[in-house]
Amino acid sequence: MVKIDCLGDMCPVPVLRLKTVIDSLKNGEECMLVTDHSCTISNIEAFCKVHHLTYDTDEVMNGVWEITISANK
């Protein structure tokens, strides 16, 4: 699993970083994006819906989220 550390990054940086990783994933592979900005969650979820990607969001500690995205190519 590819991990994208976006701690401290504000939008649109996490979405752009996710886009470059998703393009290189094979069908069924996953990546995890870690963020500490709540606005990133809605932007990543919107990106995933547009690109027909599945995702799961988990707040692992107060103010830090892990978003696991699966490539469905």
N, C-alpha and C. Protein backbone atom coordinates (compact mmCIF):
# COMPACT_ATOMS: atom_id res chain seq x y z
N MET A 1 0.85 -1.18 0.00
CA MET A 1 0.00 0.00 0.00
C MET A 1 0.89 1.24 0.00
N VAL A 2 0.56 2.16 -0.88
CA VAL A 2 1.27 3.43 -0.96
C VAL A 2 0.69 4.37 0.08
N LYS A 3 1.56 5.05 0.82
CA LYS A 3 1.10 6.01 1.82
C LYS A 3 1.47 7.42 1.36
N ILE A 4 0.49 8.32 1.37
CA ILE A 4 0.71 9.71 0.97
C ILE A 4 0.59 10.56 2.23
N ASP A 5 1.69 11.11 2.68
CA ASP A 5 1.71 11.94 3.88
C ASP A 5 1.40 13.38 3.50
N CYS A 6 0.21 13.82 3.82
CA CYS A 6 -0.21 15.19 3.52
C CYS A 6 -0.40 16.01 4.79
N LEU A 7 0.25 15.61 5.86
CA LEU A 7 0.16 16.38 7.09
C LEU A 7 0.74 17.76 6.85
N GLY A 8 -0.05 18.76 7.15
CA GLY A 8 0.36 20.15 6.94
C GLY A 8 0.05 20.70 5.56
N ASP A 9 -0.33 19.82 4.63
CA ASP A 9 -0.66 20.28 3.27
C ASP A 9 -2.12 20.71 3.20
N MET A 10 -2.36 21.83 2.53
CA MET A 10 -3.72 22.33 2.35
C MET A 10 -4.13 22.12 0.90
N CYS A 11 -5.44 22.05 0.68
CA CYS A 11 -5.96 21.85 -0.67
C CYS A 11 -5.52 22.99 -1.57
N PRO A 12 -5.22 22.64 -2.80
CA PRO A 12 -5.49 21.39 -3.50
C PRO A 12 -4.33 20.39 -3.49
N VAL A 13 -3.29 20.62 -2.69
CA VAL A 13 -2.10 19.77 -2.72
C VAL A 13 -2.43 18.29 -2.48
N PRO A 14 -3.21 17.91 -1.46
CA PRO A 14 -3.51 16.48 -1.28
C PRO A 14 -4.21 15.84 -2.48
N VAL A 15 -5.13 16.56 -3.10
CA VAL A 15 -5.83 16.02 -4.27
C VAL A 15 -4.85 15.82 -5.42
N LEU A 16 -3.97 16.76 -5.64
CA LEU A 16 -2.98 16.64 -6.71
C LEU A 16 -2.02 15.48 -6.44
N ARG A 17 -1.62 15.32 -5.21
CA ARG A 17 -0.72 14.20 -4.86
C ARG A 17 -1.43 12.87 -5.03
N LEU A 18 -2.71 12.80 -4.65
CA LEU A 18 -3.48 11.58 -4.84
C LEU A 18 -3.61 11.26 -6.32
N LYS A 19 -3.87 12.24 -7.14
CA LYS A 19 -4.02 12.02 -8.57
C LYS A 19 -2.79 11.37 -9.18
N THR A 20 -1.60 11.82 -8.80
CA THR A 20 -0.38 11.24 -9.37
C THR A 20 -0.19 9.79 -8.92
N VAL A 21 -0.58 9.48 -7.70
CA VAL A 21 -0.45 8.10 -7.21
C VAL A 21 -1.50 7.19 -7.83
N ILE A 22 -2.75 7.64 -7.89
CA ILE A 22 -3.84 6.82 -8.43
C ILE A 22 -3.55 6.42 -9.87
N ASP A 23 -2.97 7.31 -10.64
CA ASP A 23 -2.66 7.00 -12.04
C ASP A 23 -1.69 5.84 -12.18
N SER A 24 -0.87 5.59 -11.14
CA SER A 24 0.12 4.52 -11.22
C SER A 24 -0.33 3.21 -10.57
N LEU A 25 -1.48 3.21 -9.90
CA LEU A 25 -1.96 1.99 -9.23
C LEU A 25 -2.63 1.04 -10.21
N LYS A 26 -2.49 -0.23 -9.93
CA LYS A 26 -3.18 -1.26 -10.71
C LYS A 26 -4.54 -1.53 -10.07
N ASN A 27 -5.40 -2.20 -10.79
CA ASN A 27 -6.74 -2.52 -10.31
C ASN A 27 -6.67 -3.26 -8.97
N GLY A 28 -7.42 -2.77 -8.00
CA GLY A 28 -7.48 -3.42 -6.70
C GLY A 28 -6.44 -2.94 -5.70
N GLU A 29 -5.43 -2.24 -6.15
CA GLU A 29 -4.41 -1.72 -5.23
C GLU A 29 -4.98 -0.55 -4.45
N GLU A 30 -4.39 -0.32 -3.28
CA GLU A 30 -4.86 0.75 -2.41
C GLU A 30 -3.75 1.73 -2.10
N CYS A 31 -4.17 2.93 -1.73
CA CYS A 31 -3.24 3.90 -1.18
C CYS A 31 -3.91 4.54 0.03
N MET A 32 -3.10 5.06 0.92
CA MET A 32 -3.62 5.72 2.11
C MET A 32 -3.10 7.14 2.15
N LEU A 33 -4.02 8.08 2.27
CA LEU A 33 -3.67 9.49 2.37
C LEU A 33 -3.91 9.92 3.82
N VAL A 34 -2.89 10.51 4.43
CA VAL A 34 -2.98 10.97 5.82
C VAL A 34 -3.03 12.49 5.80
N THR A 35 -4.02 13.06 6.48
CA THR A 35 -4.20 14.50 6.49
C THR A 35 -4.59 15.01 7.87
N ASP A 36 -4.30 16.27 8.11
CA ASP A 36 -4.72 16.90 9.35
C ASP A 36 -5.59 18.13 9.07
N HIS A 37 -6.10 18.22 7.85
CA HIS A 37 -7.00 19.31 7.46
C HIS A 37 -8.36 18.72 7.11
N SER A 38 -9.38 19.10 7.85
CA SER A 38 -10.71 18.52 7.64
C SER A 38 -11.28 18.84 6.26
N CYS A 39 -10.91 19.98 5.68
CA CYS A 39 -11.43 20.31 4.35
C CYS A 39 -10.92 19.34 3.29
N THR A 40 -9.78 18.74 3.53
CA THR A 40 -9.22 17.78 2.58
C THR A 40 -10.13 16.57 2.42
N ILE A 41 -10.79 16.18 3.49
CA ILE A 41 -11.65 14.99 3.44
C ILE A 41 -12.74 15.14 2.39
N SER A 42 -13.45 16.24 2.42
CA SER A 42 -14.54 16.42 1.44
C SER A 42 -14.00 16.52 0.02
N ASN A 43 -12.85 17.14 -0.15
CA ASN A 43 -12.27 17.25 -1.50
C ASN A 43 -11.80 15.89 -2.02
N ILE A 44 -11.20 15.08 -1.16
CA ILE A 44 -10.76 13.75 -1.58
C ILE A 44 -11.98 12.87 -1.88
N GLU A 45 -13.02 12.96 -1.04
CA GLU A 45 -14.23 12.17 -1.29
C GLU A 45 -14.88 12.57 -2.61
N ALA A 46 -14.92 13.86 -2.92
CA ALA A 46 -15.48 14.32 -4.20
C ALA A 46 -14.64 13.80 -5.37
N PHE A 47 -13.33 13.85 -5.24
CA PHE A 47 -12.42 13.35 -6.28
C PHE A 47 -12.69 11.86 -6.51
N CYS A 48 -12.82 11.10 -5.42
CA CYS A 48 -13.05 9.66 -5.53
C CYS A 48 -14.39 9.36 -6.21
N LYS A 49 -15.42 10.10 -5.88
CA LYS A 49 -16.73 9.87 -6.50
C LYS A 49 -16.69 10.15 -8.00
N VAL A 50 -16.04 11.23 -8.39
CA VAL A 50 -15.94 11.58 -9.81
C VAL A 50 -15.17 10.51 -10.58
N HIS A 51 -14.13 9.93 -9.94
CA HIS A 51 -13.27 8.95 -10.61
C HIS A 51 -13.68 7.50 -10.30
N HIS A 52 -14.84 7.32 -9.68
CA HIS A 52 -15.37 5.99 -9.37
C HIS A 52 -14.39 5.15 -8.55
N LEU A 53 -13.81 5.77 -7.54
CA LEU A 53 -12.89 5.09 -6.63
C LEU A 53 -13.61 4.86 -5.31
N THR A 54 -13.30 3.75 -4.67
CA THR A 54 -13.87 3.51 -3.35
C THR A 54 -12.92 4.06 -2.31
N TYR A 55 -13.47 4.51 -1.19
CA TYR A 55 -12.65 5.10 -0.15
C TYR A 55 -13.26 4.84 1.22
N ASP A 56 -12.43 4.93 2.23
CA ASP A 56 -12.88 4.79 3.61
C ASP A 56 -12.09 5.80 4.44
N THR A 57 -12.80 6.57 5.24
CA THR A 57 -12.16 7.61 6.05
C THR A 57 -12.22 7.22 7.51
N ASP A 58 -11.08 7.38 8.20
CA ASP A 58 -11.00 7.03 9.61
C ASP A 58 -10.22 8.11 10.35
N GLU A 59 -10.83 8.68 11.38
CA GLU A 59 -10.11 9.65 12.21
C GLU A 59 -9.32 8.85 13.24
N VAL A 60 -8.01 8.72 13.02
CA VAL A 60 -7.18 7.86 13.85
C VAL A 60 -6.77 8.52 15.16
N MET A 61 -6.76 9.82 15.20
CA MET A 61 -6.58 10.58 16.43
C MET A 61 -7.24 11.93 16.22
N ASN A 62 -7.44 12.65 17.26
CA ASN A 62 -8.15 13.92 17.15
C ASN A 62 -7.48 14.83 16.13
N GLY A 63 -8.17 15.10 15.00
CA GLY A 63 -7.66 16.00 13.99
C GLY A 63 -6.74 15.39 12.96
N VAL A 64 -6.59 14.06 12.96
CA VAL A 64 -5.77 13.37 11.95
C VAL A 64 -6.60 12.25 11.34
N TRP A 65 -6.70 12.28 10.02
CA TRP A 65 -7.51 11.29 9.29
C TRP A 65 -6.65 10.47 8.35
N GLU A 66 -7.02 9.20 8.20
CA GLU A 66 -6.45 8.32 7.19
C GLU A 66 -7.57 7.99 6.21
N ILE A 67 -7.32 8.26 4.95
CA ILE A 67 -8.30 7.96 3.91
C ILE A 67 -7.69 6.86 3.03
N THR A 68 -8.32 5.70 3.03
CA THR A 68 -7.84 4.59 2.20
C THR A 68 -8.63 4.58 0.91
N ILE A 69 -7.92 4.65 -0.21
CA ILE A 69 -8.54 4.73 -1.53
C ILE A 69 -8.15 3.49 -2.32
N SER A 70 -9.15 2.86 -2.95
CA SER A 70 -8.91 1.67 -3.77
C SER A 70 -9.08 2.01 -5.23
N ALA A 71 -8.15 1.53 -6.04
CA ALA A 71 -8.22 1.73 -7.48
C ALA A 71 -9.13 0.68 -8.09
N ASN A 72 -10.12 1.13 -8.84
CA ASN A 72 -11.06 0.23 -9.53
C ASN A 72 -10.97 0.51 -11.03
N LYS A 73 -9.96 -0.03 -11.66
CA LYS A 73 -9.74 0.26 -13.07
C LYS A 73 -10.28 -0.86 -13.93
